[in-house]
Amino acid sequence: MKVDSVKRRYVVTLAVNVFNLIAGVINSTMVPKSLGPASFGDYQFLLRSFTSIRGFLGLSTSSAFFTYSSKNVKSAHAFYVFFCWLLLQLFLICGIVFVSCFTGINKYLFPGQLALYVWVIGLLEYTIYFALCLVQYGESKAESVFVQKISFVSILLKLMLTVLAYLFGILTVNTFILINFIGAFVVAYCISRYFLKDKKNAYFEKFDKNEAIKVIKYFMVFCAPLVLYEVFGFLSNYFDRWLLQIVSGSIQQGYFSLCFQWASVALIFSTSVLNIFWRETSFHHGAGDEERVKHIYVKSHKVLFYLSCTIGFAMAFQSGNVIKLFLSEKYYGAIDVLRIMAFYPLFFTIGQVNAIFFYATEQVKLYRNISIALMLISMGLTYVLVAPKSLLIPGFELASIGVAIKFIVSTFVCASVQTYFIARYLKLEFMELLMYQLSILSMMLVASGIAYILSICCVRSMRAQLILYSLLYGSMIVTAGYFKPSLMGLNKSEILIFRDKAKALIGLA
């Protein structure tokens, strides 16, 4: 069956993610302003807590589903098995919330939160995830163009409703939750209708009991090694937010959540390609084409690291101007947190690519062992940096800054260890990849430093400094990539093709 090319899928996905980035920047200005640090922090705490709980209950079935669906054009049995399991997760989440509220332990699990918001935000997180799973299913079938169009409509609708609520002074936690419910429902309805009705014959075979049993066994074999990983993943992810909440409170939670959102801007390129990378790696690995798999990994590794570094360094050097220009004085305490968190996406991008490589090549046991060891270290580091000084085993009590430092250290170590094992599997030189990263970091640091010094010396206005810095820094990065495309994992011919297309787009050719 004919599918869209990888380039077309990536261009469309990137375009939608660029728009999502713009919408995210606008939302990251209006929503924190309207809600305030405390309410914004409470909302993010509950949302991230339920992400951890639902991730644990999922037991990595989404990874098994995506990998299976990418390798098999017709995968009705996997679809039904996965979404039945997803429905079961909803009942389990509701059960957990009910028991916690009935017994009163919700005040320990979700400190300082009203039971109503625990229920509503728990259901919201599940709905958002349900919609995301449908988008991923479309990606696994190389239907990126369609699912990204639906995503675009959803993002646009949410942005319009958020702006209207902000302008009319009714943007509260309640209205923001409702807006996000609407956006997720649009995605879930449109994509499910498309695949279950319009494309049913293309991707859904006739139900067969024996085939369904085989698929269930595939899920069990794939996911069994990851059960322990999900347990530690839940503990690690939940512990970070929970400890910050009980030790430092909602405002520090709001600072960290805001900075996490802004830092995630640098993930725009990786999030645009991850599902495509997963599908292509899984497909070619299944076909036994390991050379193609190696080529895809190395290219993705270098391109995504270069692009993430570009945005990350800019965010770090302009953190003060970003906070002061786009937010109120209530958030000035988040400037140092953002300056640190800006570097988080650099190695998290590599970690994303590595994780998907392990899943796509079905090396889940190795991925589990690496991840569990590093998560234990990560939890210990969180305690040391965030715990109060008054405890029997004292911590540094660094609040949101401590969590930010922990994220940087843990992502760097995790990405490096994963890369070592992948390099060994693909017969690559690990030191070459590591030296590549160090060379890019050095180049970005020099370029950022020069642009920053020139901007503060030439102009005084924060807005002017931000603009001048962006122009100087952007020019240096683009020039370096153009004259030495190997820095981005590209070759000269690919750069020339991109240049010619850019010229044609703006009418110069």
Protein backbone atom coordinates (compact mmCIF):
# COMPACT_ATOMS: atom_id res chain seq x y z
CA MET A 1 0.00 0.00 0.00
CA LYS A 2 1.33 3.42 -0.95
CA VAL A 3 2.27 5.66 1.98
CA ASP A 4 3.57 9.21 2.33
CA SER A 5 7.34 9.63 2.11
CA VAL A 6 9.44 10.11 5.24
CA LYS A 7 10.29 13.67 4.18
CA ARG A 8 6.66 14.63 3.65
CA ARG A 9 5.65 13.12 6.97
CA TYR A 10 8.45 14.93 8.77
CA VAL A 11 7.75 18.28 7.10
CA VAL A 12 4.06 18.13 7.97
CA THR A 13 4.76 16.96 11.54
CA LEU A 14 7.42 19.65 12.00
CA ALA A 15 5.10 22.34 10.63
CA VAL A 16 2.36 21.35 13.07
CA ASN A 17 4.85 21.22 15.94
CA VAL A 18 6.16 24.68 15.03
CA PHE A 19 2.60 25.96 15.27
CA ASN A 20 2.22 24.03 18.52
CA LEU A 21 5.41 25.71 19.73
CA ILE A 22 3.96 29.14 18.96
CA ALA A 23 0.72 28.19 20.69
CA GLY A 24 2.72 26.81 23.61
CA VAL A 25 4.68 30.05 24.01
CA ILE A 26 1.43 32.03 24.01
CA ASN A 27 -0.15 29.63 26.50
CA SER A 28 2.98 29.65 28.68
CA THR A 29 2.52 33.40 28.95
CA MET A 30 -1.23 33.72 29.44
CA VAL A 31 -1.97 30.65 31.58
CA PRO A 32 0.70 31.15 34.29
CA LYS A 33 -0.17 34.87 34.43
CA SER A 34 -3.87 34.20 34.90
CA LEU A 35 -3.54 31.26 37.30
CA GLY A 36 -0.61 32.56 39.37
CA PRO A 37 2.38 30.45 40.53
CA ALA A 38 0.47 28.54 43.24
CA SER A 39 -2.59 27.48 41.18
CA PHE A 40 -0.43 26.80 38.14
CA GLY A 41 1.88 24.68 40.29
CA ASP A 42 -1.04 22.70 41.76
CA TYR A 43 -2.46 22.02 38.29
CA GLN A 44 0.89 20.83 36.97
CA PHE A 45 1.55 18.73 40.07
CA LEU A 46 -1.70 16.82 39.65
CA LEU A 47 -1.30 16.46 35.89
CA ARG A 48 2.26 15.12 36.17
CA SER A 49 1.29 12.87 39.09
CA PHE A 50 -1.42 11.20 37.03
CA THR A 51 0.98 10.92 34.10
CA SER A 52 3.23 8.88 36.39
CA ILE A 53 0.34 6.75 37.69
CA ARG A 54 -1.10 6.08 34.25
CA GLY A 55 2.37 5.34 32.88
CA PHE A 56 2.83 2.72 35.59
CA LEU A 57 -0.57 1.13 34.90
CA GLY A 58 0.21 1.05 31.17
CA LEU A 59 3.10 -1.40 31.76
CA SER A 60 4.73 -0.29 28.46
CA THR A 61 1.86 -1.70 26.38
CA SER A 62 1.85 1.45 24.24
CA SER A 63 5.43 0.72 23.17
CA ALA A 64 4.53 -2.87 22.29
CA PHE A 65 1.47 -1.65 20.40
CA PHE A 66 3.36 0.96 18.38
CA THR A 67 6.20 -1.44 17.53
CA TYR A 68 3.80 -4.20 16.44
CA SER A 69 1.62 -1.79 14.48
CA SER A 70 4.65 -0.32 12.69
CA LYS A 71 5.83 -3.75 11.54
CA ASN A 72 2.40 -5.01 10.39
CA VAL A 73 0.16 -3.13 7.97
CA LYS A 74 -2.95 -4.90 9.23
CA SER A 75 -2.99 -5.00 13.02
CA ALA A 76 -6.63 -5.05 14.11
CA HIS A 77 -6.00 -7.53 16.90
CA ALA A 78 -3.25 -5.40 18.43
CA PHE A 79 -5.54 -2.37 18.17
CA TYR A 80 -8.41 -4.06 20.00
CA VAL A 81 -6.15 -5.62 22.65
CA PHE A 82 -4.39 -2.33 23.39
CA PHE A 83 -7.48 -0.15 23.58
CA CYS A 84 -9.31 -2.67 25.76
CA TRP A 85 -6.34 -2.53 28.10
CA LEU A 86 -6.45 1.28 27.90
CA LEU A 87 -10.11 1.20 28.98
CA LEU A 88 -9.18 -1.04 31.91
CA GLN A 89 -6.59 1.52 32.96
CA LEU A 90 -9.35 4.13 33.21
CA PHE A 91 -11.25 1.94 35.69
CA LEU A 92 -8.06 1.37 37.68
CA ILE A 93 -7.32 5.11 37.85
CA CYS A 94 -10.87 5.82 39.01
CA GLY A 95 -10.51 3.06 41.60
CA ILE A 96 -7.26 4.51 42.93
CA VAL A 97 -8.76 7.99 43.24
CA PHE A 98 -11.94 6.68 44.89
CA VAL A 99 -10.06 4.60 47.45
CA SER A 100 -7.61 7.42 48.22
CA CYS A 101 -10.44 9.93 48.75
CA PHE A 102 -12.60 7.48 50.71
CA THR A 103 -9.77 6.51 53.08
CA GLY A 104 -8.33 10.02 53.32
CA ILE A 105 -4.88 9.10 52.05
CA ASN A 106 -5.35 11.53 49.15
CA LYS A 107 -3.99 14.26 51.45
CA TYR A 108 -0.70 12.34 51.51
CA LEU A 109 -0.67 11.27 47.86
CA PHE A 110 -1.79 14.68 46.59
CA PRO A 111 -0.87 17.11 49.39
CA GLY A 112 -2.89 20.31 49.49
CA GLN A 113 -5.23 19.36 46.62
CA LEU A 114 -9.04 19.38 46.57
CA ALA A 115 -10.64 15.99 45.86
CA LEU A 116 -12.68 17.47 42.98
CA TYR A 117 -9.54 18.57 41.13
CA VAL A 118 -7.90 15.22 41.79
CA TRP A 119 -10.82 13.56 39.97
CA VAL A 120 -11.09 16.05 37.11
CA ILE A 121 -7.40 16.41 36.32
CA GLY A 122 -6.93 12.64 36.58
CA LEU A 123 -9.63 12.17 33.90
CA LEU A 124 -8.13 14.99 31.82
CA GLU A 125 -4.69 13.38 31.78
CA TYR A 126 -6.21 10.07 30.69
CA THR A 127 -8.21 11.75 27.90
CA ILE A 128 -5.14 13.55 26.59
CA TYR A 129 -3.19 10.28 26.61
CA PHE A 130 -6.01 8.43 24.83
CA ALA A 131 -5.92 11.02 22.04
CA LEU A 132 -2.11 10.80 21.87
CA CYS A 133 -2.29 7.01 21.46
CA LEU A 134 -4.56 7.47 18.44
CA VAL A 135 -2.09 9.96 16.94
CA GLN A 136 0.73 7.45 17.48
CA TYR A 137 -1.35 4.74 15.84
CA GLY A 138 -1.71 6.95 12.78
CA GLU A 139 2.04 7.55 12.79
CA SER A 140 2.66 3.79 12.91
CA LYS A 141 0.66 3.46 9.69
CA ALA A 142 2.62 6.29 8.01
CA GLU A 143 -0.58 8.38 8.12
CA SER A 144 1.25 11.31 9.68
CA VAL A 145 -0.24 13.85 7.28
CA PHE A 146 -3.82 13.13 8.30
CA VAL A 147 -3.29 12.79 12.06
CA GLN A 148 -1.15 15.93 12.16
CA LYS A 149 -3.86 17.89 10.35
CA ILE A 150 -6.28 16.85 13.08
CA SER A 151 -3.70 17.78 15.71
CA PHE A 152 -3.37 21.20 14.07
CA VAL A 153 -7.13 21.78 14.25
CA SER A 154 -7.12 20.78 17.92
CA ILE A 155 -4.18 23.06 18.77
CA LEU A 156 -5.77 25.98 16.91
CA LEU A 157 -9.10 25.46 18.65
CA LYS A 158 -7.47 25.29 22.09
CA LEU A 159 -5.41 28.40 21.37
CA MET A 160 -8.44 30.39 20.23
CA LEU A 161 -10.46 29.39 23.28
CA THR A 162 -7.56 30.16 25.63
CA VAL A 163 -6.98 33.60 24.10
CA LEU A 164 -10.69 34.42 24.29
CA ALA A 165 -10.86 33.30 27.92
CA TYR A 166 -7.78 35.39 28.70
CA LEU A 167 -9.14 38.51 26.97
CA PHE A 168 -12.50 38.24 28.73
CA GLY A 169 -10.82 37.63 32.10
CA ILE A 170 -12.28 34.15 32.61
CA LEU A 171 -9.11 32.08 32.18
CA THR A 172 -9.09 30.06 35.38
CA VAL A 173 -8.10 26.52 36.31
CA ASN A 174 -11.66 25.42 35.54
CA THR A 175 -11.87 26.97 32.08
CA PHE A 176 -8.35 25.82 31.20
CA ILE A 177 -9.24 22.23 32.11
CA LEU A 178 -12.41 22.44 29.98
CA ILE A 179 -10.45 23.79 27.00
CA ASN A 180 -7.99 20.90 27.20
CA PHE A 181 -10.85 18.39 27.40
CA ILE A 182 -12.32 19.85 24.20
CA GLY A 183 -8.99 19.70 22.36
CA ALA A 184 -8.37 16.06 23.31
CA PHE A 185 -11.95 15.06 22.38
CA VAL A 186 -11.59 16.56 18.88
CA VAL A 187 -8.45 14.50 18.23
CA ALA A 188 -9.91 11.29 19.68
CA TYR A 189 -13.18 11.54 17.75
CA CYS A 190 -11.77 12.48 14.34
CA ILE A 191 -8.89 9.98 14.28
CA SER A 192 -10.93 7.06 15.64
CA ARG A 193 -13.66 7.74 13.06
CA TYR A 194 -11.07 7.88 10.26
CA PHE A 195 -9.45 4.55 11.07
CA LEU A 196 -12.49 2.63 12.28
CA LYS A 197 -14.71 3.73 9.39
CA ASP A 198 -12.90 5.29 6.41
CA LYS A 199 -9.72 3.15 6.58
CA LYS A 200 -11.07 0.04 8.23
CA ASN A 201 -10.48 -2.23 5.23
CA ALA A 202 -6.90 -1.02 4.81
CA TYR A 203 -5.69 -1.67 8.36
CA PHE A 204 -8.19 -4.02 10.02
CA GLU A 205 -8.38 -7.70 9.16
CA LYS A 206 -11.22 -10.02 10.14
CA PHE A 207 -11.14 -10.95 13.80
CA ASP A 208 -9.57 -14.32 14.54
CA LYS A 209 -9.44 -15.73 18.07
CA ASN A 210 -6.14 -17.56 17.55
CA GLU A 211 -4.50 -14.46 16.08
CA ALA A 212 -5.73 -12.40 19.02
CA ILE A 213 -4.13 -14.88 21.42
CA LYS A 214 -0.84 -14.60 19.49
CA VAL A 215 -0.97 -10.81 19.79
CA ILE A 216 -1.65 -11.01 23.52
CA LYS A 217 1.38 -13.30 23.89
CA TYR A 218 3.47 -10.81 21.89
CA PHE A 219 2.41 -8.03 24.27
CA MET A 220 3.25 -10.19 27.28
CA VAL A 221 6.69 -11.16 25.98
CA PHE A 222 7.46 -7.54 24.99
CA CYS A 223 6.17 -5.96 28.21
CA ALA A 224 7.15 -8.55 30.83
CA PRO A 225 10.77 -7.31 31.14
CA LEU A 226 9.46 -3.74 31.50
CA VAL A 227 7.08 -4.26 34.43
CA LEU A 228 9.84 -3.61 36.97
CA TYR A 229 10.98 -0.63 34.86
CA GLU A 230 7.47 0.87 35.07
CA VAL A 231 7.44 0.42 38.84
CA PHE A 232 10.69 2.34 39.26
CA GLY A 233 9.67 4.82 36.57
CA PHE A 234 6.53 5.65 38.50
CA LEU A 235 8.41 5.99 41.79
CA SER A 236 11.08 8.20 40.23
CA ASN A 237 8.74 10.52 38.32
CA TYR A 238 6.19 10.83 41.12
CA PHE A 239 8.86 11.26 43.82
CA ASP A 240 10.37 14.35 42.14
CA ARG A 241 7.10 16.28 42.06
CA TRP A 242 5.82 14.95 45.41
CA LEU A 243 8.96 15.84 47.36
CA LEU A 244 9.08 19.31 45.81
CA GLN A 245 5.40 19.81 46.68
CA ILE A 246 5.63 18.83 50.35
CA VAL A 247 9.01 20.47 51.02
CA SER A 248 8.80 23.68 49.00
CA GLY A 249 5.12 24.16 48.17
CA SER A 250 2.97 25.09 45.19
CA ILE A 251 4.88 28.22 44.17
CA GLN A 252 8.17 26.35 43.71
CA GLN A 253 6.19 23.67 41.89
CA GLY A 254 4.86 26.43 39.64
CA TYR A 255 8.39 27.74 38.99
CA PHE A 256 9.65 24.33 37.99
CA SER A 257 6.59 23.52 35.87
CA LEU A 258 6.87 26.80 34.00
CA CYS A 259 10.57 26.29 33.30
CA PHE A 260 9.96 22.70 32.26
CA GLN A 261 7.44 23.93 29.68
CA TRP A 262 9.72 26.66 28.36
CA ALA A 263 12.72 24.33 28.21
CA SER A 264 10.63 21.81 26.28
CA VAL A 265 10.60 24.28 23.39
CA ALA A 266 13.96 22.77 22.43
CA LEU A 267 12.27 19.38 21.98
CA ILE A 268 10.22 20.57 19.02
CA PHE A 269 12.46 18.88 16.46
CA SER A 270 12.77 15.59 18.31
CA THR A 271 9.03 15.32 19.00
CA SER A 272 8.43 15.92 15.29
CA VAL A 273 10.54 12.97 14.22
CA LEU A 274 10.34 10.43 17.06
CA ASN A 275 7.32 8.48 15.83
CA ILE A 276 8.72 8.49 12.30
CA PHE A 277 12.12 7.34 13.62
CA TRP A 278 10.36 4.60 15.58
CA ARG A 279 8.39 3.40 12.58
CA GLU A 280 11.37 3.42 10.19
CA THR A 281 13.77 1.76 12.65
CA SER A 282 11.24 -0.91 13.56
CA PHE A 283 10.37 -1.53 9.92
CA HIS A 284 13.99 -1.86 8.68
CA HIS A 285 15.07 -3.85 11.72
CA GLY A 286 12.23 -6.26 11.05
CA ALA A 287 13.44 -6.53 7.44
CA GLY A 288 17.01 -7.30 8.60
CA ASP A 289 18.51 -4.13 7.08
CA GLU A 290 20.90 -3.24 9.93
CA GLU A 291 22.98 -0.86 7.81
CA ARG A 292 19.88 1.24 7.18
CA VAL A 293 19.10 1.13 10.90
CA LYS A 294 22.63 2.37 11.68
CA HIS A 295 22.30 5.21 9.15
CA ILE A 296 18.93 6.29 10.58
CA TYR A 297 20.24 6.29 14.16
CA VAL A 298 23.45 8.25 13.51
CA LYS A 299 21.70 10.85 11.38
CA SER A 300 18.86 11.32 13.85
CA HIS A 301 21.32 11.49 16.76
CA LYS A 302 23.37 14.29 15.22
CA VAL A 303 20.61 16.34 13.63
CA LEU A 304 18.43 16.37 16.74
CA PHE A 305 21.30 17.09 19.12
CA TYR A 306 22.47 20.04 17.01
CA LEU A 307 19.00 21.55 16.78
CA SER A 308 18.21 21.00 20.46
CA CYS A 309 21.50 22.61 21.48
CA THR A 310 20.73 25.61 19.31
CA ILE A 311 17.48 26.37 21.14
CA GLY A 312 18.72 25.24 24.56
CA PHE A 313 21.71 27.60 24.65
CA ALA A 314 19.59 30.50 23.43
CA MET A 315 17.07 29.84 26.20
CA ALA A 316 19.81 29.63 28.84
CA PHE A 317 21.48 32.89 27.88
CA GLN A 318 18.19 34.77 27.53
CA SER A 319 16.33 33.27 30.51
CA GLY A 320 16.17 36.59 32.36
CA ASN A 321 14.79 38.50 29.39
CA VAL A 322 12.29 35.72 28.58
CA ILE A 323 10.82 35.67 32.09
CA LYS A 324 10.77 39.44 32.50
CA LEU A 325 9.28 40.16 29.07
CA PHE A 326 6.61 37.47 28.98
CA LEU A 327 5.61 37.03 32.65
CA SER A 328 4.92 39.07 35.75
CA GLU A 329 7.17 39.76 38.73
CA LYS A 330 5.60 36.79 40.51
CA TYR A 331 7.76 34.53 38.31
CA TYR A 332 11.10 36.34 38.60
CA GLY A 333 12.15 33.67 41.10
CA ALA A 334 12.10 31.17 38.22
CA ILE A 335 14.89 32.85 36.21
CA ASP A 336 17.73 30.75 37.65
CA VAL A 337 15.62 27.61 37.33
CA LEU A 338 15.04 28.30 33.63
CA ARG A 339 18.74 29.04 33.13
CA ILE A 340 19.50 25.51 34.35
CA MET A 341 16.51 23.72 32.81
CA ALA A 342 17.35 25.13 29.38
CA PHE A 343 20.09 22.50 29.13
CA TYR A 344 17.78 19.61 30.03
CA PRO A 345 16.51 18.99 26.44
CA LEU A 346 20.04 18.66 25.04
CA PHE A 347 20.59 15.18 26.40
CA PHE A 348 16.93 14.33 26.90
CA THR A 349 16.64 14.46 23.10
CA ILE A 350 19.36 11.82 22.84
CA GLY A 351 17.64 9.82 25.56
CA GLN A 352 14.39 9.91 23.58
CA VAL A 353 16.11 8.62 20.45
CA ASN A 354 17.92 5.94 22.43
CA ALA A 355 14.79 4.74 24.22
CA ILE A 356 12.88 4.40 20.97
CA PHE A 357 15.84 2.58 19.39
CA PHE A 358 15.73 -0.01 22.19
CA TYR A 359 11.98 -0.43 21.75
CA ALA A 360 12.10 -0.57 17.95
CA THR A 361 14.85 -3.21 17.99
CA GLU A 362 13.07 -5.04 20.86
CA GLN A 363 16.03 -4.78 23.26
CA VAL A 364 13.69 -4.05 26.14
CA LYS A 365 15.57 -6.03 28.82
CA LEU A 366 18.76 -4.05 28.29
CA TYR A 367 16.82 -0.79 28.32
CA ARG A 368 15.09 -1.84 31.54
CA ASN A 369 18.33 -2.70 33.33
CA ILE A 370 20.03 0.56 32.36
CA SER A 371 17.00 2.65 33.26
CA ILE A 372 16.33 1.09 36.67
CA ALA A 373 19.93 1.53 37.81
CA LEU A 374 19.92 5.17 36.76
CA MET A 375 16.48 5.88 38.24
CA LEU A 376 17.67 4.70 41.65
CA ILE A 377 20.60 7.10 41.44
CA SER A 378 18.25 9.83 40.23
CA MET A 379 15.87 9.45 43.20
CA GLY A 380 18.78 9.63 45.60
CA LEU A 381 20.02 12.79 43.91
CA THR A 382 16.55 14.37 44.16
CA TYR A 383 16.50 13.72 47.90
CA VAL A 384 19.97 15.17 48.45
CA LEU A 385 19.19 18.34 46.50
CA VAL A 386 15.59 18.99 47.66
CA ALA A 387 15.18 17.50 51.16
CA PRO A 388 15.20 19.90 54.15
CA LYS A 389 18.41 20.49 56.06
CA SER A 390 16.63 19.65 59.32
CA LEU A 391 16.11 15.94 58.58
CA LEU A 392 18.19 13.15 60.09
CA ILE A 393 19.78 12.75 56.66
CA PRO A 394 19.89 16.42 55.61
CA GLY A 395 19.51 17.68 52.07
CA PHE A 396 20.53 20.96 50.47
CA GLU A 397 16.91 22.27 50.34
CA LEU A 398 17.42 23.83 46.90
CA ALA A 399 13.71 23.63 45.96
CA SER A 400 13.01 23.93 42.23
CA ILE A 401 16.66 24.70 41.48
CA GLY A 402 17.58 21.36 43.04
CA VAL A 403 15.09 19.47 40.85
CA ALA A 404 16.44 21.30 37.79
CA ILE A 405 20.04 20.32 38.62
CA LYS A 406 18.95 16.73 39.15
CA PHE A 407 17.27 16.66 35.71
CA ILE A 408 20.42 17.89 33.97
CA VAL A 409 22.75 15.43 35.70
CA SER A 410 20.46 12.40 35.34
CA THR A 411 19.63 12.99 31.66
CA PHE A 412 23.31 13.41 30.75
CA VAL A 413 24.36 10.21 32.53
CA CYS A 414 21.38 8.25 31.21
CA ALA A 415 21.85 9.36 27.60
CA SER A 416 25.59 8.63 27.70
CA VAL A 417 25.19 5.11 29.11
CA GLN A 418 22.44 4.27 26.61
CA THR A 419 24.51 5.61 23.72
CA TYR A 420 27.44 3.42 24.75
CA PHE A 421 25.37 0.24 24.49
CA ILE A 422 23.73 1.28 21.23
CA ALA A 423 27.10 2.15 19.72
CA ARG A 424 28.36 -1.30 20.67
CA TYR A 425 25.28 -2.93 19.12
CA LEU A 426 25.61 -0.98 15.85
CA LYS A 427 29.43 -1.31 15.79
CA LEU A 428 29.93 2.43 16.11
CA GLU A 429 32.71 4.27 17.94
CA PHE A 430 31.20 5.56 21.18
CA MET A 431 34.02 8.06 21.73
CA GLU A 432 33.36 9.57 18.30
CA LEU A 433 29.74 10.23 19.25
CA LEU A 434 30.80 11.63 22.63
CA MET A 435 33.43 13.90 21.09
CA TYR A 436 30.87 15.05 18.53
CA GLN A 437 28.58 16.13 21.38
CA LEU A 438 31.41 17.93 23.18
CA SER A 439 32.42 19.77 20.00
CA ILE A 440 28.84 20.96 19.41
CA LEU A 441 28.50 22.07 23.03
CA SER A 442 31.76 24.03 22.80
CA MET A 443 30.74 25.68 19.54
CA MET A 444 27.32 26.65 20.89
CA LEU A 445 28.84 28.01 24.10
CA VAL A 446 31.27 30.26 22.17
CA ALA A 447 28.58 31.46 19.75
CA SER A 448 26.11 32.13 22.57
CA GLY A 449 28.72 33.94 24.66
CA ILE A 450 29.77 36.22 21.80
CA ALA A 451 26.17 37.02 20.86
CA TYR A 452 25.26 37.68 24.51
CA ILE A 453 28.20 40.03 25.17
CA LEU A 454 27.59 41.98 21.97
CA SER A 455 23.86 42.30 22.66
CA ILE A 456 24.26 43.70 26.19
CA CYS A 457 27.06 46.03 25.08
CA CYS A 458 25.18 47.45 22.08
CA VAL A 459 21.65 47.93 23.44
CA ARG A 460 20.00 48.40 26.84
CA SER A 461 16.39 47.48 26.21
CA MET A 462 15.59 43.86 27.14
CA ARG A 463 13.48 43.42 24.02
CA ALA A 464 16.24 44.84 21.82
CA GLN A 465 18.83 42.62 23.53
CA LEU A 466 16.68 39.55 22.87
CA ILE A 467 16.23 40.45 19.21
CA LEU A 468 19.90 41.34 18.62
CA TYR A 469 21.08 38.21 20.42
CA SER A 470 18.75 36.05 18.33
CA LEU A 471 19.97 37.58 15.08
CA LEU A 472 23.67 37.28 15.94
CA TYR A 473 23.44 33.81 17.45
CA GLY A 474 21.13 32.50 14.72
CA SER A 475 23.42 33.82 11.98
CA MET A 476 26.47 32.11 13.48
CA ILE A 477 24.67 28.77 13.90
CA VAL A 478 23.17 28.79 10.40
CA THR A 479 26.51 29.79 8.86
CA ALA A 480 28.36 27.00 10.69
CA GLY A 481 25.77 24.45 9.59
CA TYR A 482 25.82 25.67 5.99
CA PHE A 483 29.60 25.57 5.51
CA LYS A 484 30.12 22.45 7.59
CA PRO A 485 26.93 20.37 7.28
CA SER A 486 28.60 17.37 8.97
CA LEU A 487 28.02 19.24 12.25
CA MET A 488 24.32 18.46 11.77
CA GLY A 489 24.86 14.97 10.42
CA LEU A 490 24.08 16.13 6.89
CA ASN A 491 26.06 16.37 3.68
CA LYS A 492 26.53 19.26 1.26
CA SER A 493 24.00 18.00 -1.28
CA GLU A 494 21.26 17.88 1.38
CA ILE A 495 22.08 21.45 2.42
CA LEU A 496 21.95 22.62 -1.21
CA ILE A 497 18.59 20.93 -1.77
CA PHE A 498 17.22 22.64 1.33
CA ARG A 499 18.66 25.99 0.17
CA ASP A 500 17.07 25.70 -3.27
CA LYS A 501 13.69 24.80 -1.78
CA ALA A 502 13.93 27.75 0.61
CA LYS A 503 14.70 30.08 -2.27
CA ALA A 504 11.79 28.76 -4.29
CA LEU A 505 9.51 29.18 -1.31
CA ILE A 506 10.32 32.88 -0.92
CA GLY A 507 10.37 33.51 -4.66
CA LEU A 508 14.10 34.02 -5.22
CA ALA A 509 14.56 31.15 -7.63
